[in-house]
Amino acid sequence: MPQIKKVLLGGSAVQKSLCKDMCQVFDIETMANIYALTEAFGPVCGTAPGHVTTDNVGFPVAGCKVKIMDTARGETMAAFEHGEIWIQCITAMKGYRGRPEDTAAVLTADGWLRTGDLGYLDDEGRLYIV
């Protein structure tokens, strides 16, 4: 497949050895991990091209913020503590049309989107999905 030169990985973890093999077999120039949501209209976090990891999905992309919340206590979690992933992106949806109750269930008053996904941030800000 000589026309494929760049690959974005998302949806599930991929073994690093498989990524390396794919790059060699298909002559892929670059591969990157992403974390994306339909509600965010695209990537929220990503690894730098060529820096594919099997344990994290990288840093928030420009225009996006990520925090990890303990939803039971309403507190932001510290680095390496697991909780629900919340995002705030300039591209994120403003709500579900005609469904205010559903919108209120996922969007906070200050614009954070509750993803329902679980993860944590390391001390440098990389996102890990658990």
C-alpha atoms as a PDB file:
ATOM      1  CA  MET A   1       0.000   0.000   0.000  1.00  0.00           C
ATOM      2  CA  PRO A   2       2.439   2.658  -1.164  1.00  0.00           C
ATOM      3  CA  GLN A   3      -0.161   5.447  -0.966  1.00  0.00           C
ATOM      4  CA  ILE A   4      -0.535   5.121   2.839  1.00  0.00           C
ATOM      5  CA  LYS A   5       2.206   7.094   4.582  1.00  0.00           C
ATOM      6  CA  LYS A   6       0.591   8.287   7.819  1.00  0.00           C
ATOM      7  CA  VAL A   7      -1.534   6.287  10.259  1.00  0.00           C
ATOM      8  CA  LEU A   8      -3.478   7.457  13.315  1.00  0.00           C
ATOM      9  CA  LEU A   9      -4.314   4.816  15.914  1.00  0.00           C
ATOM     10  CA  GLY A  10      -7.394   5.149  18.088  1.00  0.00           C
ATOM     11  CA  GLY A  11     -10.118   3.148  19.745  1.00  0.00           C
ATOM     12  CA  SER A  12      -7.926   0.555  21.404  1.00  0.00           C
ATOM     13  CA  ALA A  13      -4.366  -0.121  22.476  1.00  0.00           C
ATOM     14  CA  VAL A  14      -1.966  -1.553  19.902  1.00  0.00           C
ATOM     15  CA  GLN A  15       1.242  -3.400  20.729  1.00  0.00           C
ATOM     16  CA  LYS A  16       4.353  -1.386  19.913  1.00  0.00           C
ATOM     17  CA  SER A  17       5.892  -4.377  18.099  1.00  0.00           C
ATOM     18  CA  LEU A  18       2.848  -4.528  15.799  1.00  0.00           C
ATOM     19  CA  CYS A  19       3.199  -0.814  15.035  1.00  0.00           C
ATOM     20  CA  LYS A  20       6.863  -1.277  14.190  1.00  0.00           C
ATOM     21  CA  ASP A  21       6.088  -4.270  11.965  1.00  0.00           C
ATOM     22  CA  MET A  22       3.312  -2.370  10.168  1.00  0.00           C
ATOM     23  CA  CYS A  23       5.640   0.555   9.465  1.00  0.00           C
ATOM     24  CA  GLN A  24       8.264  -1.764   8.002  1.00  0.00           C
ATOM     25  CA  VAL A  25       5.950  -4.015   5.976  1.00  0.00           C
ATOM     26  CA  PHE A  26       3.808  -1.223   4.536  1.00  0.00           C
ATOM     27  CA  ASP A  27       6.541   1.464   4.381  1.00  0.00           C
ATOM     28  CA  ILE A  28       4.548   3.797   6.636  1.00  0.00           C
ATOM     29  CA  GLU A  29       6.432   7.005   7.409  1.00  0.00           C
ATOM     30  CA  THR A  30       4.716   7.961  10.638  1.00  0.00           C
ATOM     31  CA  MET A  31       2.211   6.593  13.122  1.00  0.00           C
ATOM     32  CA  ALA A  32       0.603   8.332  16.114  1.00  0.00           C
ATOM     33  CA  ASN A  33      -1.849   7.478  18.916  1.00  0.00           C
ATOM     34  CA  ILE A  34      -4.923   9.646  19.392  1.00  0.00           C
ATOM     35  CA  TYR A  35      -7.819   9.941  21.823  1.00  0.00           C
ATOM     36  CA  ALA A  36     -10.858  11.343  20.058  1.00  0.00           C
ATOM     37  CA  LEU A  37     -14.561  11.777  20.700  1.00  0.00           C
ATOM     38  CA  THR A  38     -17.453  12.448  18.376  1.00  0.00           C
ATOM     39  CA  GLU A  39     -18.600  15.116  20.860  1.00  0.00           C
ATOM     40  CA  ALA A  40     -15.227  16.866  20.539  1.00  0.00           C
ATOM     41  CA  PHE A  41     -15.356  16.716  16.730  1.00  0.00           C
ATOM     42  CA  GLY A  42     -11.947  15.096  16.499  1.00  0.00           C
ATOM     43  CA  PRO A  43      -8.759  14.432  18.430  1.00  0.00           C
ATOM     44  CA  VAL A  44      -8.458  15.538  22.051  1.00  0.00           C
ATOM     45  CA  CYS A  45      -4.995  14.088  22.757  1.00  0.00           C
ATOM     46  CA  GLY A  46      -2.254  12.681  20.597  1.00  0.00           C
ATOM     47  CA  THR A  47       1.313  11.495  20.542  1.00  0.00           C
ATOM     48  CA  ALA A  48       3.863  13.231  18.367  1.00  0.00           C
ATOM     49  CA  PRO A  49       4.193  11.588  14.957  1.00  0.00           C
ATOM     50  CA  GLY A  50       6.690   8.764  15.198  1.00  0.00           C
ATOM     51  CA  HIS A  51       6.348   8.489  18.972  1.00  0.00           C
ATOM     52  CA  VAL A  52       3.849   5.666  19.212  1.00  0.00           C
ATOM     53  CA  THR A  53       3.447   4.318  22.719  1.00  0.00           C
ATOM     54  CA  THR A  54       1.399   1.427  23.988  1.00  0.00           C
ATOM     55  CA  ASP A  55       0.536   2.922  27.357  1.00  0.00           C
ATOM     56  CA  ASN A  56      -0.676   6.485  26.693  1.00  0.00           C
ATOM     57  CA  VAL A  57      -2.411   8.622  24.088  1.00  0.00           C
ATOM     58  CA  GLY A  58      -0.189  11.653  24.487  1.00  0.00           C
ATOM     59  CA  PHE A  59      -0.824  15.259  25.384  1.00  0.00           C
ATOM     60  CA  PRO A  60      -3.914  17.414  24.803  1.00  0.00           C
ATOM     61  CA  VAL A  61      -3.929  18.954  21.331  1.00  0.00           C
ATOM     62  CA  ALA A  62      -4.056  22.726  20.832  1.00  0.00           C
ATOM     63  CA  GLY A  63      -7.389  24.122  21.982  1.00  0.00           C
ATOM     64  CA  CYS A  64      -8.145  21.218  24.345  1.00  0.00           C
ATOM     65  CA  LYS A  65      -7.806  20.780  28.092  1.00  0.00           C
ATOM     66  CA  VAL A  66      -8.096  17.494  29.970  1.00  0.00           C
ATOM     67  CA  LYS A  67      -8.650  16.809  33.646  1.00  0.00           C
ATOM     68  CA  ILE A  68      -9.415  13.712  35.655  1.00  0.00           C
ATOM     69  CA  MET A  69     -12.329  13.911  38.066  1.00  0.00           C
ATOM     70  CA  ASP A  70     -13.516  11.985  41.086  1.00  0.00           C
ATOM     71  CA  THR A  71     -17.179  12.369  40.200  1.00  0.00           C
ATOM     72  CA  ALA A  72     -18.432  11.116  43.569  1.00  0.00           C
ATOM     73  CA  ARG A  73     -16.577  13.884  45.419  1.00  0.00           C
ATOM     74  CA  GLY A  74     -16.541  16.474  42.638  1.00  0.00           C
ATOM     75  CA  GLU A  75     -12.769  16.849  42.929  1.00  0.00           C
ATOM     76  CA  THR A  76      -9.998  17.060  40.358  1.00  0.00           C
ATOM     77  CA  MET A  77      -7.600  14.149  40.738  1.00  0.00           C
ATOM     78  CA  ALA A  78      -3.836  14.516  41.121  1.00  0.00           C
ATOM     79  CA  ALA A  79      -1.326  12.987  38.697  1.00  0.00           C
ATOM     80  CA  PHE A  80      -1.527   9.183  38.478  1.00  0.00           C
ATOM     81  CA  GLU A  81      -4.933   9.035  40.236  1.00  0.00           C
ATOM     82  CA  HIS A  82      -7.690   7.331  38.239  1.00  0.00           C
ATOM     83  CA  GLY A  83     -11.032   8.947  37.542  1.00  0.00           C
ATOM     84  CA  GLU A  84     -13.391  10.096  34.800  1.00  0.00           C
ATOM     85  CA  ILE A  85     -11.834  11.974  31.881  1.00  0.00           C
ATOM     86  CA  TRP A  86     -13.313  15.440  31.412  1.00  0.00           C
ATOM     87  CA  ILE A  87     -12.428  17.588  28.417  1.00  0.00           C
ATOM     88  CA  GLN A  88     -12.831  21.200  27.411  1.00  0.00           C
ATOM     89  CA  CYS A  89     -12.171  21.891  23.718  1.00  0.00           C
ATOM     90  CA  ILE A  90     -12.919  24.760  21.402  1.00  0.00           C
ATOM     91  CA  THR A  91     -14.376  22.203  18.980  1.00  0.00           C
ATOM     92  CA  ALA A  92     -16.547  20.364  21.525  1.00  0.00           C
ATOM     93  CA  MET A  93     -20.302  20.258  21.151  1.00  0.00           C
ATOM     94  CA  LYS A  94     -22.442  22.781  22.974  1.00  0.00           C
ATOM     95  CA  GLY A  95     -25.209  20.287  23.655  1.00  0.00           C
ATOM     96  CA  TYR A  96     -27.673  17.813  22.214  1.00  0.00           C
ATOM     97  CA  ARG A  97     -30.258  19.586  20.069  1.00  0.00           C
ATOM     98  CA  GLY A  98     -33.663  19.547  21.723  1.00  0.00           C
ATOM     99  CA  ARG A  99     -32.420  17.379  24.602  1.00  0.00           C
ATOM    100  CA  PRO A 100     -31.610  19.677  27.537  1.00  0.00           C
ATOM    101  CA  GLU A 101     -31.657  16.863  30.104  1.00  0.00           C
ATOM    102  CA  ASP A 102     -29.110  14.828  28.136  1.00  0.00           C
ATOM    103  CA  THR A 103     -26.979  17.943  27.661  1.00  0.00           C
ATOM    104  CA  ALA A 104     -27.026  18.700  31.394  1.00  0.00           C
ATOM    105  CA  ALA A 105     -25.922  15.131  32.103  1.00  0.00           C
ATOM    106  CA  VAL A 106     -22.678  15.522  30.134  1.00  0.00           C
ATOM    107  CA  LEU A 107     -21.840  19.242  30.094  1.00  0.00           C
ATOM    108  CA  THR A 108     -20.978  21.252  33.184  1.00  0.00           C
ATOM    109  CA  ALA A 109     -21.988  24.887  33.590  1.00  0.00           C
ATOM    110  CA  ASP A 110     -18.374  25.945  32.952  1.00  0.00           C
ATOM    111  CA  GLY A 111     -18.063  23.950  29.724  1.00  0.00           C
ATOM    112  CA  TRP A 112     -16.420  20.669  30.736  1.00  0.00           C
ATOM    113  CA  LEU A 113     -17.595  17.577  28.879  1.00  0.00           C
ATOM    114  CA  ARG A 114     -17.921  14.433  30.979  1.00  0.00           C
ATOM    115  CA  THR A 115     -16.668  11.689  28.645  1.00  0.00           C
ATOM    116  CA  GLY A 116     -17.625   8.651  30.710  1.00  0.00           C
ATOM    117  CA  ASP A 117     -14.156   7.248  29.972  1.00  0.00           C
ATOM    118  CA  LEU A 118     -11.742   6.375  32.767  1.00  0.00           C
ATOM    119  CA  GLY A 119      -8.102   7.352  32.842  1.00  0.00           C
ATOM    120  CA  TYR A 120      -5.362   9.329  34.498  1.00  0.00           C
ATOM    121  CA  LEU A 121      -2.755  11.963  33.689  1.00  0.00           C
ATOM    122  CA  ASP A 122       0.921  11.531  34.473  1.00  0.00           C
ATOM    123  CA  ASP A 123       2.989  14.304  36.053  1.00  0.00           C
ATOM    124  CA  GLU A 124       3.822  15.724  32.602  1.00  0.00           C
ATOM    125  CA  GLY A 125       0.207  15.775  31.382  1.00  0.00           C
ATOM    126  CA  ARG A 126       0.071  12.654  29.193  1.00  0.00           C
ATOM    127  CA  LEU A 127      -3.315  10.910  29.179  1.00  0.00           C
ATOM    128  CA  TYR A 128      -3.639   7.193  29.941  1.00  0.00           C
ATOM    129  CA  ILE A 129      -6.892   5.332  29.263  1.00  0.00           C
ATOM    130  CA  VAL A 130      -7.752   2.546  31.730  1.00  0.00           C
END
